[in-house]
């Protein structure tokens, strides 16, 4: 059965914007709501890094949906 996971990555902030080419941490969530809530919570607390919602990945094929 196909399973989907939602990916959140943490990037360092450079010049006020997250540097998307440098990934410091990555975490998977079962729901989009859980992933977006984690992004909001993380970004309220930490200022030197920024959490970004990447998208939904099909675990069978590895495709970003």
PDB file of N, CA and C in Angstrom:
ATOM      1  N   UNK A   1       0.838  -1.180   0.000  1.00  0.00           N
ATOM      2  CA  UNK A   1       0.000   0.000   0.000  1.00  0.00           C
ATOM      3  C   UNK A   1       0.885   1.247   0.000  1.00  0.00           C
ATOM      4  N   UNK A   2       0.497   2.203  -0.777  1.00  0.00           N
ATOM      5  CA  UNK A   2       1.257   3.438  -0.903  1.00  0.00           C
ATOM      6  C   UNK A   2       1.130   4.267   0.361  1.00  0.00           C
ATOM      7  N   UNK A   3       2.266   4.783   0.821  1.00  0.00           N
ATOM      8  CA  UNK A   3       2.286   5.635   2.002  1.00  0.00           C
ATOM      9  C   UNK A   3       2.890   6.977   1.614  1.00  0.00           C
ATOM     10  N   UNK A   4       2.332   8.034   2.157  1.00  0.00           N
ATOM     11  CA  UNK A   4       2.831   9.375   1.901  1.00  0.00           C
ATOM     12  C   UNK A   4       3.351   9.970   3.196  1.00  0.00           C
ATOM     13  N   UNK A   5       4.478  10.667   3.122  1.00  0.00           N
ATOM     14  CA  UNK A   5       5.027  11.370   4.278  1.00  0.00           C
ATOM     15  C   UNK A   5       5.272  12.826   3.876  1.00  0.00           C
ATOM     16  N   UNK A   6       5.154  13.701   4.849  1.00  0.00           N
ATOM     17  CA  UNK A   6       5.353  15.131   4.631  1.00  0.00           C
ATOM     18  C   UNK A   6       6.704  15.507   5.234  1.00  0.00           C
ATOM     19  N   UNK A   7       7.520  16.191   4.455  1.00  0.00           N
ATOM     20  CA  UNK A   7       8.901  16.477   4.831  1.00  0.00           C
ATOM     21  C   UNK A   7       9.052  17.932   5.279  1.00  0.00           C
ATOM     22  N   UNK A   8       9.745  18.116   6.419  1.00  0.00           N
ATOM     23  CA  UNK A   8      10.126  19.438   6.908  1.00  0.00           C
ATOM     24  C   UNK A   8      11.639  19.442   7.058  1.00  0.00           C
ATOM     25  N   UNK A   9      12.275  20.467   6.502  1.00  0.00           N
ATOM     26  CA  UNK A   9      13.720  20.610   6.615  1.00  0.00           C
ATOM     27  C   UNK A   9      14.055  21.880   7.374  1.00  0.00           C
ATOM     28  N   UNK A  10      15.188  21.850   8.089  1.00  0.00           N
ATOM     29  CA  UNK A  10      15.689  23.021   8.806  1.00  0.00           C
ATOM     30  C   UNK A  10      16.936  23.511   8.084  1.00  0.00           C
ATOM     31  N   UNK A  11      16.947  24.818   7.778  1.00  0.00           N
ATOM     32  CA  UNK A  11      18.042  25.438   7.041  1.00  0.00           C
ATOM     33  C   UNK A  11      18.614  26.608   7.841  1.00  0.00           C
ATOM     34  N   UNK A  12      19.913  26.896   7.692  1.00  0.00           N
ATOM     35  CA  UNK A  12      20.475  28.082   8.340  1.00  0.00           C
ATOM     36  C   UNK A  12      19.963  29.353   7.656  1.00  0.00           C
ATOM     37  N   UNK A  13      19.867  30.429   8.425  1.00  0.00           N
ATOM     38  CA  UNK A  13      19.427  31.714   7.875  1.00  0.00           C
ATOM     39  C   UNK A  13      20.660  32.531   7.507  1.00  0.00           C
ATOM     40  N   UNK A  14      20.704  32.998   6.265  1.00  0.00           N
ATOM     41  CA  UNK A  14      21.794  33.838   5.766  1.00  0.00           C
ATOM     42  C   UNK A  14      21.177  35.040   5.052  1.00  0.00           C
ATOM     43  N   UNK A  15      21.560  36.224   5.462  1.00  0.00           N
ATOM     44  CA  UNK A  15      21.029  37.469   4.901  1.00  0.00           C
ATOM     45  C   UNK A  15      19.510  37.554   5.054  1.00  0.00           C
ATOM     46  N   UNK A  16      18.995  37.034   6.152  1.00  0.00           N
ATOM     47  CA  UNK A  16      17.573  37.128   6.437  1.00  0.00           C
ATOM     48  C   UNK A  16      16.692  36.085   5.772  1.00  0.00           C
ATOM     49  N   UNK A  17      17.266  35.209   4.963  1.00  0.00           N
ATOM     50  CA  UNK A  17      16.509  34.172   4.258  1.00  0.00           C
ATOM     51  C   UNK A  17      17.142  32.805   4.512  1.00  0.00           C
ATOM     52  N   UNK A  18      16.319  31.740   4.519  1.00  0.00           N
ATOM     53  CA  UNK A  18      16.903  30.405   4.684  1.00  0.00           C
ATOM     54  C   UNK A  18      17.728  30.002   3.464  1.00  0.00           C
ATOM     55  N   UNK A  19      18.898  29.436   3.710  1.00  0.00           N
ATOM     56  CA  UNK A  19      19.754  28.932   2.636  1.00  0.00           C
ATOM     57  C   UNK A  19      19.306  27.503   2.339  1.00  0.00           C
ATOM     58  N   UNK A  20      18.498  27.331   1.316  1.00  0.00           N
ATOM     59  CA  UNK A  20      17.870  26.044   1.023  1.00  0.00           C
ATOM     60  C   UNK A  20      18.851  24.979   0.538  1.00  0.00           C
ATOM     61  N   UNK A  21      20.066  25.378   0.191  1.00  0.00           N
ATOM     62  CA  UNK A  21      21.050  24.394  -0.261  1.00  0.00           C
ATOM     63  C   UNK A  21      21.755  23.702   0.910  1.00  0.00           C
ATOM     64  N   UNK A  22      21.605  24.237   2.119  1.00  0.00           N
ATOM     65  CA  UNK A  22      22.226  23.646   3.303  1.00  0.00           C
ATOM     66  C   UNK A  22      21.130  23.111   4.224  1.00  0.00           C
ATOM     67  N   UNK A  23      21.054  21.806   4.365  1.00  0.00           N
ATOM     68  CA  UNK A  23      20.050  21.177   5.220  1.00  0.00           C
ATOM     69  C   UNK A  23      20.711  20.768   6.530  1.00  0.00           C
ATOM     70  N   UNK A  24      20.225  21.314   7.637  1.00  0.00           N
ATOM     71  CA  UNK A  24      20.782  20.974   8.948  1.00  0.00           C
ATOM     72  C   UNK A  24      20.041  19.796   9.581  1.00  0.00           C
ATOM     73  N   UNK A  25      18.754  19.660   9.256  1.00  0.00           N
ATOM     74  CA  UNK A  25      17.934  18.619   9.863  1.00  0.00           C
ATOM     75  C   UNK A  25      16.742  18.351   8.955  1.00  0.00           C
ATOM     76  N   UNK A  26      16.237  17.108   8.990  1.00  0.00           N
ATOM     77  CA  UNK A  26      15.053  16.758   8.212  1.00  0.00           C
ATOM     78  C   UNK A  26      14.178  15.833   9.042  1.00  0.00           C
ATOM     79  N   UNK A  27      12.874  16.058   8.997  1.00  0.00           N
ATOM     80  CA  UNK A  27      11.948  15.234   9.766  1.00  0.00           C
ATOM     81  C   UNK A  27      10.722  14.927   8.921  1.00  0.00           C
ATOM     82  N   UNK A  28      10.159  13.733   9.121  1.00  0.00           N
ATOM     83  CA  UNK A  28       8.971  13.292   8.391  1.00  0.00           C
ATOM     84  C   UNK A  28       7.748  13.324   9.303  1.00  0.00           C
ATOM     85  N   UNK A  29       6.604  13.678   8.721  1.00  0.00           N
ATOM     86  CA  UNK A  29       5.337  13.728   9.446  1.00  0.00           C
ATOM     87  C   UNK A  29       4.284  12.955   8.664  1.00  0.00           C
ATOM     88  N   UNK A  30       3.309  12.398   9.374  1.00  0.00           N
ATOM     89  CA  UNK A  30       2.248  11.629   8.731  1.00  0.00           C
ATOM     90  C   UNK A  30       1.215  12.514   8.044  1.00  0.00           C
ATOM     91  N   UNK A  31       0.993  13.722   8.581  1.00  0.00           N
ATOM     92  CA  UNK A  31      -0.029  14.606   8.022  1.00  0.00           C
ATOM     93  C   UNK A  31       0.580  15.962   7.663  1.00  0.00           C
ATOM     94  N   UNK A  32      -0.053  16.628   6.709  1.00  0.00           N
ATOM     95  CA  UNK A  32       0.389  17.965   6.330  1.00  0.00           C
ATOM     96  C   UNK A  32       0.157  18.935   7.477  1.00  0.00           C
ATOM     97  N   UNK A  33      -0.955  18.757   8.186  1.00  0.00           N
ATOM     98  CA  UNK A  33      -1.269  19.620   9.327  1.00  0.00           C
ATOM     99  C   UNK A  33      -0.162  19.530  10.387  1.00  0.00           C
ATOM    100  N   UNK A  34       0.287  18.316  10.690  1.00  0.00           N
ATOM    101  CA  UNK A  34       1.355  18.129  11.670  1.00  0.00           C
ATOM    102  C   UNK A  34       2.655  18.769  11.224  1.00  0.00           C
ATOM    103  N   UNK A  35       2.957  18.661   9.934  1.00  0.00           N
ATOM    104  CA  UNK A  35       4.184  19.246   9.396  1.00  0.00           C
ATOM    105  C   UNK A  35       4.134  20.772   9.451  1.00  0.00           C
ATOM    106  N   UNK A  36       3.010  21.355   9.066  1.00  0.00           N
ATOM    107  CA  UNK A  36       2.893  22.812   9.078  1.00  0.00           C
ATOM    108  C   UNK A  36       2.877  23.365  10.501  1.00  0.00           C
ATOM    109  N   UNK A  37       2.273  22.631  11.426  1.00  0.00           N
ATOM    110  CA  UNK A  37       2.286  23.057  12.831  1.00  0.00           C
ATOM    111  C   UNK A  37       3.705  23.030  13.380  1.00  0.00           C
ATOM    112  N   UNK A  38       4.483  22.020  13.002  1.00  0.00           N
ATOM    113  CA  UNK A  38       5.874  21.928  13.447  1.00  0.00           C
ATOM    114  C   UNK A  38       6.703  23.080  12.887  1.00  0.00           C
ATOM    115  N   UNK A  39       6.458  23.454  11.639  1.00  0.00           N
ATOM    116  CA  UNK A  39       7.171  24.583  11.017  1.00  0.00           C
ATOM    117  C   UNK A  39       6.869  25.871  11.774  1.00  0.00           C
ATOM    118  N   UNK A  40       5.595  26.114  12.053  1.00  0.00           N
ATOM    119  CA  UNK A  40       5.211  27.344  12.760  1.00  0.00           C
ATOM    120  C   UNK A  40       5.820  27.393  14.153  1.00  0.00           C
ATOM    121  N   UNK A  41       5.743  26.295  14.889  1.00  0.00           N
ATOM    122  CA  UNK A  41       6.303  26.242  16.241  1.00  0.00           C
ATOM    123  C   UNK A  41       7.813  26.453  16.220  1.00  0.00           C
ATOM    124  N   UNK A  42       8.496  25.778  15.314  1.00  0.00           N
ATOM    125  CA  UNK A  42       9.955  25.872  15.234  1.00  0.00           C
ATOM    126  C   UNK A  42      10.387  27.306  14.927  1.00  0.00           C
ATOM    127  N   UNK A  43       9.725  27.921  13.951  1.00  0.00           N
ATOM    128  CA  UNK A  43      10.125  29.263  13.518  1.00  0.00           C
ATOM    129  C   UNK A  43       9.802  30.334  14.555  1.00  0.00           C
ATOM    130  N   UNK A  44       8.872  30.069  15.462  1.00  0.00           N
ATOM    131  CA  UNK A  44       8.598  31.015  16.546  1.00  0.00           C
ATOM    132  C   UNK A  44       9.713  30.995  17.589  1.00  0.00           C
ATOM    133  N   UNK A  45      10.344  29.840  17.760  1.00  0.00           N
ATOM    134  CA  UNK A  45      11.346  29.669  18.813  1.00  0.00           C
ATOM    135  C   UNK A  45      12.756  30.010  18.330  1.00  0.00           C
ATOM    136  N   UNK A  46      13.135  29.495  17.166  1.00  0.00           N
ATOM    137  CA  UNK A  46      14.517  29.624  16.694  1.00  0.00           C
ATOM    138  C   UNK A  46      14.640  30.718  15.636  1.00  0.00           C
ATOM    139  N   UNK A  47      15.709  31.509  15.708  1.00  0.00           N
ATOM    140  CA  UNK A  47      15.902  32.617  14.775  1.00  0.00           C
ATOM    141  C   UNK A  47      17.112  32.421  13.856  1.00  0.00           C
ATOM    142  N   UNK A  48      18.096  31.608  14.267  1.00  0.00           N
ATOM    143  CA  UNK A  48      19.293  31.411  13.446  1.00  0.00           C
ATOM    144  C   UNK A  48      19.089  30.332  12.382  1.00  0.00           C
ATOM    145  N   UNK A  49      18.038  29.556  12.530  1.00  0.00           N
ATOM    146  CA  UNK A  49      17.675  28.553  11.536  1.00  0.00           C
ATOM    147  C   UNK A  49      16.183  28.706  11.233  1.00  0.00           C
ATOM    148  N   UNK A  50      15.764  28.154  10.105  1.00  0.00           N
ATOM    149  CA  UNK A  50      14.375  28.277   9.693  1.00  0.00           C
ATOM    150  C   UNK A  50      13.872  26.932   9.189  1.00  0.00           C
ATOM    151  N   UNK A  51      12.697  26.512   9.668  1.00  0.00           N
ATOM    152  CA  UNK A  51      12.069  25.292   9.194  1.00  0.00           C
ATOM    153  C   UNK A  51      11.242  25.610   7.950  1.00  0.00           C
ATOM    154  N   UNK A  52      11.278  24.695   6.977  1.00  0.00           N
ATOM    155  CA  UNK A  52      10.575  24.887   5.716  1.00  0.00           C
ATOM    156  C   UNK A  52       9.856  23.586   5.361  1.00  0.00           C
ATOM    157  N   UNK A  53       8.571  23.706   4.990  1.00  0.00           N
ATOM    158  CA  UNK A  53       7.809  22.551   4.513  1.00  0.00           C
ATOM    159  C   UNK A  53       8.222  22.276   3.076  1.00  0.00           C
ATOM    160  N   UNK A  54       8.715  21.060   2.807  1.00  0.00           N
ATOM    161  CA  UNK A  54       9.212  20.716   1.478  1.00  0.00           C
ATOM    162  C   UNK A  54       8.093  20.175   0.602  1.00  0.00           C
ATOM    163  N   UNK A  55       7.280  19.274   1.146  1.00  0.00           N
ATOM    164  CA  UNK A  55       6.186  18.692   0.381  1.00  0.00           C
ATOM    165  C   UNK A  55       5.896  17.282   0.822  1.00  0.00           C
ATOM    166  N   UNK A  56       5.060  16.626   0.038  1.00  0.00           N
ATOM    167  CA  UNK A  56       4.619  15.264   0.323  1.00  0.00           C
ATOM    168  C   UNK A  56       5.372  14.298  -0.594  1.00  0.00           C
ATOM    169  N   UNK A  57       5.896  13.220  -0.017  1.00  0.00           N
ATOM    170  CA  UNK A  57       6.681  12.249  -0.777  1.00  0.00           C
ATOM    171  C   UNK A  57       5.981  10.896  -0.747  1.00  0.00           C
ATOM    172  N   UNK A  58       5.871  10.275  -1.919  1.00  0.00           N
ATOM    173  CA  UNK A  58       5.353   8.913  -2.036  1.00  0.00           C
ATOM    174  C   UNK A  58       6.493   7.986  -1.666  1.00  0.00           C
ATOM    175  N   UNK A  59       6.351   7.205  -0.590  1.00  0.00           N
ATOM    176  CA  UNK A  59       7.455   6.360  -0.125  1.00  0.00           C
ATOM    177  C   UNK A  59       7.749   5.191  -1.055  1.00  0.00           C
ATOM    178  N   UNK A  60       6.790   4.778  -1.843  1.00  0.00           N
ATOM    179  CA  UNK A  60       7.022   3.673  -2.782  1.00  0.00           C
ATOM    180  C   UNK A  60       7.906   4.094  -3.950  1.00  0.00           C
ATOM    181  N   UNK A  61       7.598   5.256  -4.530  1.00  0.00           N
ATOM    182  CA  UNK A  61       8.308   5.708  -5.723  1.00  0.00           C
ATOM    183  C   UNK A  61       9.377   6.743  -5.432  1.00  0.00           C
ATOM    184  N   UNK A  62       9.265   7.426  -4.286  1.00  0.00           N
ATOM    185  CA  UNK A  62      10.211   8.483  -3.940  1.00  0.00           C
ATOM    186  C   UNK A  62       9.910   9.801  -4.612  1.00  0.00           C
ATOM    187  N   UNK A  63       8.756   9.890  -5.286  1.00  0.00           N
ATOM    188  CA  UNK A  63       8.381  11.117  -5.975  1.00  0.00           C
ATOM    189  C   UNK A  63       7.802  12.152  -5.025  1.00  0.00           C
ATOM    190  N   UNK A  64       8.167  13.397  -5.259  1.00  0.00           N
ATOM    191  CA  UNK A  64       7.585  14.515  -4.539  1.00  0.00           C
ATOM    192  C   UNK A  64       6.231  14.822  -5.179  1.00  0.00           C
ATOM    193  N   UNK A  65       5.188  14.778  -4.377  1.00  0.00           N
ATOM    194  CA  UNK A  65       3.828  14.966  -4.901  1.00  0.00           C
ATOM    195  C   UNK A  65       3.402  16.390  -4.745  1.00  0.00           C
TER     196      UNK A  65
END
